[in-house]
């Protein structure tokens, strides 16, 4: 029979292992600790675990994005929090809780610079954690560094980056003033291919940590890779652009990646409509943000 204190100790141990294995607070232990009670003989016999309650924002963060239009007042997302299994060796190796300072942007970027979680680290020149202000109105999420980004260590600095800056500037945004720009993966995939699922998964804790540290008021996903990986969905930009999504209470708009617009200029008009709609969202959040 387990006591309440025993359960709390085990919960904290599992949380510490999960947090440290991920590098930062993991989704599996998001939210308030469950209310534990001492086992009674009946519960011991049944072996029924206590139930953890998740609020709607936590559930939204883990599933398929909503397909709500900008004209609708409801933001919907469905999904089930992911689960992670740990063997005893992992638990033993990860008993130290992360300190509060681990969640600061400088410490996140330091951990990114040291990361060797996937094969992309082998051929990188520089990691590309992100760039922008530390209290952004908007977080822009792309897919991954290209050749120029790999050389310079900053995101969106090539031709696609120049177009992105023009797109943001057209609605009163910039990386110097009110944006932070990051990517799904922080190292360049070979030949600028899309990140593999295992590469995106390895980098995901860093993106989660950046979102937690930056606390953006809104998110702009640039391209299918960004929105698919943020929401763990198979739906891409062709289906989701023009719709207002919700990520853990943060409004999200998806549009074409600038490099895709350079390849297919005919999509610049619908992309501009996406940006205008995004501006309306921002004005609703912070009416004088352009000033």
Protein backbone atom coordinates (compact mmCIF):
# COMPACT_ATOMS: atom_id res chain seq x y z
CA UNK A 1 0.00 0.00 0.00
CA UNK A 2 1.46 3.37 -1.01
CA UNK A 3 1.15 6.55 0.97
CA UNK A 4 0.47 9.99 -0.43
CA UNK A 5 4.08 11.03 0.31
CA UNK A 6 5.44 8.00 -1.55
CA UNK A 7 3.39 8.90 -4.60
CA UNK A 8 4.58 12.51 -4.54
CA UNK A 9 8.22 11.36 -4.35
CA UNK A 10 7.75 9.02 -7.32
CA UNK A 11 5.94 11.72 -9.30
CA UNK A 12 8.75 14.22 -8.65
CA UNK A 13 11.37 11.64 -9.61
CA UNK A 14 9.59 10.88 -12.88
CA UNK A 15 9.16 14.58 -13.60
CA UNK A 16 12.84 15.25 -12.92
CA UNK A 17 13.84 12.41 -15.24
CA UNK A 18 11.49 13.57 -17.97
CA UNK A 19 12.56 17.23 -17.71
CA UNK A 20 16.24 16.42 -17.77
CA UNK A 21 15.95 13.89 -20.56
CA UNK A 22 14.17 16.49 -22.68
CA UNK A 23 16.41 19.30 -21.48
CA UNK A 24 13.46 21.34 -20.26
CA UNK A 25 9.96 20.90 -18.86
CA UNK A 26 8.31 18.12 -20.84
CA UNK A 27 4.71 17.94 -21.99
CA UNK A 28 4.14 14.76 -20.01
CA UNK A 29 4.22 16.61 -16.70
CA UNK A 30 2.68 19.90 -17.80
CA UNK A 31 0.23 21.50 -15.41
CA UNK A 32 -0.58 21.04 -11.77
CA UNK A 33 0.53 17.97 -9.83
CA UNK A 34 -2.35 15.51 -9.37
CA UNK A 35 -4.00 15.26 -5.96
CA UNK A 36 -2.56 12.09 -4.44
CA UNK A 37 -4.11 10.21 -1.53
CA UNK A 38 -3.05 7.24 0.58
CA UNK A 39 -4.03 3.90 -0.91
CA UNK A 40 -6.89 2.09 0.68
CA UNK A 41 -6.96 -1.71 0.66
CA UNK A 42 -9.54 -1.65 -2.15
CA UNK A 43 -7.52 0.61 -4.42
CA UNK A 44 -4.40 -1.44 -3.77
CA UNK A 45 -6.19 -4.59 -4.81
CA UNK A 46 -7.60 -3.02 -7.92
CA UNK A 47 -4.31 -1.41 -8.87
CA UNK A 48 -6.12 1.58 -10.39
CA UNK A 49 -3.82 4.56 -10.92
CA UNK A 50 -4.91 8.02 -9.92
CA UNK A 51 -6.25 10.18 -12.72
CA UNK A 52 -4.44 13.30 -13.85
CA UNK A 53 -6.63 16.18 -14.91
CA UNK A 54 -5.59 18.22 -17.95
CA UNK A 55 -7.13 21.58 -18.74
CA UNK A 56 -8.21 22.52 -22.27
CA UNK A 57 -5.11 24.61 -23.00
CA UNK A 58 -2.85 21.66 -22.26
CA UNK A 59 -4.89 19.41 -24.52
CA UNK A 60 -4.83 21.99 -27.32
CA UNK A 61 -1.04 22.13 -27.25
CA UNK A 62 -0.72 18.45 -28.09
CA UNK A 63 -3.02 17.72 -30.93
CA UNK A 64 -4.39 18.56 -34.32
CA UNK A 65 -4.83 22.29 -34.86
CA UNK A 66 -8.29 23.69 -35.28
CA UNK A 67 -9.61 24.63 -38.67
CA UNK A 68 -11.42 27.71 -37.43
CA UNK A 69 -11.75 30.62 -39.81
CA UNK A 70 -10.87 34.18 -38.84
CA UNK A 71 -14.61 34.99 -38.71
CA UNK A 72 -15.27 32.43 -35.97
CA UNK A 73 -15.08 33.12 -32.25
CA UNK A 74 -14.25 29.55 -31.33
CA UNK A 75 -10.74 28.12 -31.34
CA UNK A 76 -10.68 24.34 -31.26
CA UNK A 77 -7.96 21.74 -31.08
CA UNK A 78 -8.05 18.10 -30.17
CA UNK A 79 -5.42 15.72 -29.01
CA UNK A 80 -3.95 13.65 -26.28
CA UNK A 81 -0.78 14.55 -24.40
CA UNK A 82 2.12 12.46 -25.54
CA UNK A 83 3.65 9.88 -23.25
CA UNK A 84 7.27 9.02 -22.66
CA UNK A 85 8.55 5.79 -21.14
CA UNK A 86 11.70 5.61 -19.04
CA UNK A 87 13.71 2.61 -18.00
CA UNK A 88 15.39 2.42 -14.60
CA UNK A 89 18.79 3.45 -15.96
CA UNK A 90 17.33 6.63 -17.38
CA UNK A 91 15.58 7.41 -14.12
CA UNK A 92 18.78 6.91 -12.14
CA UNK A 93 20.77 9.11 -14.45
CA UNK A 94 18.29 12.01 -14.38
CA UNK A 95 17.44 12.63 -10.72
CA UNK A 96 18.57 16.27 -10.53
CA UNK A 97 15.81 18.82 -11.09
CA UNK A 98 16.42 21.57 -13.66
CA UNK A 99 17.04 24.95 -12.09
CA UNK A 100 14.94 28.00 -12.90
CA UNK A 101 17.84 29.59 -14.77
CA UNK A 102 17.71 26.77 -17.35
CA UNK A 103 14.62 28.39 -18.83
CA UNK A 104 16.25 31.73 -19.65
CA UNK A 105 16.86 32.39 -23.34
CA UNK A 106 20.65 32.59 -22.96
CA UNK A 107 20.77 29.20 -21.24
CA UNK A 108 18.46 27.68 -23.83
CA UNK A 109 20.73 28.94 -26.60
CA UNK A 110 23.79 27.62 -24.77
CA UNK A 111 22.26 24.16 -24.59
CA UNK A 112 21.36 24.36 -28.27
CA UNK A 113 24.98 25.22 -29.10
CA UNK A 114 26.13 22.07 -27.29
CA UNK A 115 23.43 19.78 -28.67
CA UNK A 116 24.30 16.44 -30.27
CA UNK A 117 20.89 14.81 -30.08
CA UNK A 118 20.62 13.97 -33.77
CA UNK A 119 22.81 13.46 -36.82
CA UNK A 120 22.43 17.06 -38.01
CA UNK A 121 25.11 18.15 -35.55
CA UNK A 122 27.79 16.28 -37.49
CA UNK A 123 27.95 18.62 -40.48
CA UNK A 124 26.87 21.95 -39.07
CA UNK A 125 29.10 25.01 -39.12
CA UNK A 126 26.95 26.86 -36.62
CA UNK A 127 23.81 26.14 -34.67
CA UNK A 128 21.02 28.62 -35.36
CA UNK A 129 19.02 29.05 -32.14
CA UNK A 130 17.09 32.13 -33.24
CA UNK A 131 17.21 35.89 -33.39
CA UNK A 132 15.11 38.80 -32.20
CA UNK A 133 13.85 40.57 -29.12
CA UNK A 134 13.48 38.68 -25.86
CA UNK A 135 9.95 39.95 -25.16
CA UNK A 136 8.38 39.56 -28.60
CA UNK A 137 4.87 40.24 -29.68
CA UNK A 138 5.32 37.60 -32.36
CA UNK A 139 7.29 34.38 -32.63
CA UNK A 140 7.99 33.42 -36.24
CA UNK A 141 8.69 29.71 -36.73
CA UNK A 142 10.38 28.40 -39.88
CA UNK A 143 11.65 24.95 -40.79
CA UNK A 144 15.44 24.98 -40.45
CA UNK A 145 18.66 26.81 -41.37
CA UNK A 146 19.85 26.98 -44.96
CA UNK A 147 23.36 27.46 -46.27
CA UNK A 148 23.67 31.15 -45.39
CA UNK A 149 22.09 30.62 -41.98
CA UNK A 150 24.53 27.80 -41.29
CA UNK A 151 27.41 30.12 -42.17
CA UNK A 152 26.25 33.07 -40.09
CA UNK A 153 24.45 31.40 -37.19
CA UNK A 154 21.29 33.49 -37.63
CA UNK A 155 17.90 32.51 -39.08
CA UNK A 156 16.50 33.78 -42.37
CA UNK A 157 19.51 35.71 -43.66
CA UNK A 158 19.53 34.56 -47.27
CA UNK A 159 17.14 35.57 -50.07
CA UNK A 160 14.21 33.98 -48.21
CA UNK A 161 15.17 35.96 -45.12
CA UNK A 162 15.16 39.20 -47.07
CA UNK A 163 11.65 38.42 -48.30
CA UNK A 164 10.55 37.49 -44.77
CA UNK A 165 11.79 40.84 -43.47
CA UNK A 166 9.74 42.60 -46.16
CA UNK A 167 6.67 40.52 -45.30
CA UNK A 168 6.99 41.33 -41.60
CA UNK A 169 7.72 44.98 -42.28
CA UNK A 170 4.53 45.27 -44.33
CA UNK A 171 2.49 44.63 -41.19
CA UNK A 172 4.63 46.56 -38.73
CA UNK A 173 6.86 43.73 -37.50
CA UNK A 174 10.63 43.24 -37.42
CA UNK A 175 13.18 41.08 -35.68
CA UNK A 176 14.79 44.22 -34.24
CA UNK A 177 11.61 45.61 -32.73
CA UNK A 178 8.92 43.11 -31.81
CA UNK A 179 9.66 39.61 -33.21
CA UNK A 180 11.74 36.57 -32.45
CA UNK A 181 12.54 34.20 -35.31
CA UNK A 182 13.28 30.52 -34.71
CA UNK A 183 13.10 27.21 -36.56
CA UNK A 184 11.82 23.70 -35.97
CA UNK A 185 15.42 22.41 -36.13
CA UNK A 186 18.46 24.42 -35.15
CA UNK A 187 21.02 22.80 -37.49
CA UNK A 188 21.00 22.75 -41.28
CA UNK A 189 19.61 19.58 -42.90
CA UNK A 190 21.77 18.36 -45.81
CA UNK A 191 20.98 20.10 -49.11
CA UNK A 192 18.28 22.11 -47.31
CA UNK A 193 15.91 19.14 -47.25
CA UNK A 194 13.00 19.07 -44.82
CA UNK A 195 13.89 17.87 -41.31
CA UNK A 196 13.25 14.19 -40.68
CA UNK A 197 10.69 13.36 -37.97
CA UNK A 198 13.38 12.14 -35.59
CA UNK A 199 15.38 15.34 -36.12
CA UNK A 200 12.36 17.52 -35.43
CA UNK A 201 11.51 15.45 -32.36
CA UNK A 202 15.06 15.76 -31.03
CA UNK A 203 14.90 19.54 -31.36
CA UNK A 204 11.34 19.96 -30.09
CA UNK A 205 12.24 20.51 -26.40
CA UNK A 206 14.29 23.55 -27.42
CA UNK A 207 11.37 25.08 -29.31
CA UNK A 208 9.07 24.38 -26.36
CA UNK A 209 11.57 26.03 -24.04
CA UNK A 210 11.86 29.05 -26.33
CA UNK A 211 8.10 29.49 -26.40
CA UNK A 212 7.95 29.25 -22.61
CA UNK A 213 10.77 31.78 -22.16
CA UNK A 214 9.68 34.24 -24.85
CA UNK A 215 5.95 34.16 -24.05
CA UNK A 216 4.90 35.48 -27.48
CA UNK A 217 1.43 36.96 -27.86
CA UNK A 218 1.04 35.35 -31.30
CA UNK A 219 2.83 32.87 -33.56
CA UNK A 220 3.36 33.01 -37.32
CA UNK A 221 4.20 29.64 -38.88
CA UNK A 222 6.18 30.04 -42.10
CA UNK A 223 5.46 26.97 -44.17
CA UNK A 224 4.13 23.45 -43.81
CA UNK A 225 7.11 22.07 -41.91
CA UNK A 226 6.58 24.61 -39.15
CA UNK A 227 2.85 24.10 -38.66
CA UNK A 228 2.98 20.31 -39.06
CA UNK A 229 5.63 19.96 -36.38
CA UNK A 230 4.20 22.57 -34.02
CA UNK A 231 0.82 20.83 -33.94
CA UNK A 232 1.88 17.26 -34.81
CA UNK A 233 -0.54 17.26 -37.74
CA UNK A 234 -0.42 16.09 -41.34
CA UNK A 235 -2.18 19.23 -42.55
CA UNK A 236 0.06 21.73 -44.29
CA UNK A 237 -0.06 25.32 -45.45
CA UNK A 238 -2.45 24.69 -48.35
CA UNK A 239 -5.14 23.55 -45.93
CA UNK A 240 -4.36 25.67 -42.88
CA UNK A 241 -3.48 29.06 -44.30
CA UNK A 242 -6.24 31.62 -43.86
CA UNK A 243 -7.34 30.01 -40.60
CA UNK A 244 -6.82 31.07 -37.02
CA UNK A 245 -5.34 28.25 -34.97
CA UNK A 246 -4.66 27.97 -31.28
CA UNK A 247 -1.51 26.69 -29.59
CA UNK A 248 -1.87 26.49 -25.83
CA UNK A 249 -3.83 29.74 -25.77
CA UNK A 250 -1.59 31.53 -28.30
CA UNK A 251 -3.21 32.50 -31.63
CA UNK A 252 -1.37 31.02 -34.61
CA UNK A 253 -1.54 31.94 -38.29
CA UNK A 254 0.12 29.90 -41.03
CA UNK A 255 1.34 31.16 -44.39
CA UNK A 256 3.83 30.15 -47.08
CA UNK A 257 7.52 29.93 -46.32
CA UNK A 258 9.36 32.79 -48.08
CA UNK A 259 11.48 30.32 -50.06
CA UNK A 260 8.27 28.72 -51.38
CA UNK A 261 7.04 32.16 -52.44
CA UNK A 262 10.29 32.74 -54.32
CA UNK A 263 9.72 29.49 -56.19
CA UNK A 264 5.99 30.12 -56.76
CA UNK A 265 5.30 33.87 -56.84
CA UNK A 266 1.62 33.23 -57.63
CA UNK A 267 1.13 32.42 -53.95
CA UNK A 268 2.24 35.90 -52.85
CA UNK A 269 -1.30 37.25 -53.10
CA UNK A 270 -2.89 34.66 -50.76
CA UNK A 271 0.15 35.03 -48.49
CA UNK A 272 -0.53 38.76 -48.31
CA UNK A 273 -4.13 38.00 -47.31
CA UNK A 274 -2.76 35.78 -44.53
CA UNK A 275 -0.54 38.60 -43.32
CA UNK A 276 -3.38 41.10 -43.32
CA UNK A 277 -5.49 38.68 -41.29
CA UNK A 278 -2.56 38.17 -38.91
CA UNK A 279 -2.28 41.94 -38.49
CA UNK A 280 -5.94 42.04 -37.49
CA UNK A 281 -5.20 39.46 -34.80
CA UNK A 282 -2.26 41.52 -33.54
CA UNK A 283 -4.27 44.74 -33.46
CA UNK A 284 -6.86 42.97 -31.37
CA UNK A 285 -4.13 41.90 -28.92
CA UNK A 286 -2.11 45.12 -28.88
CA UNK A 287 -3.81 47.97 -30.78
CA UNK A 288 -0.76 50.26 -30.85
CA UNK A 289 1.88 47.62 -31.56
CA UNK A 290 3.06 49.37 -34.73
CA UNK A 291 4.09 52.40 -32.70
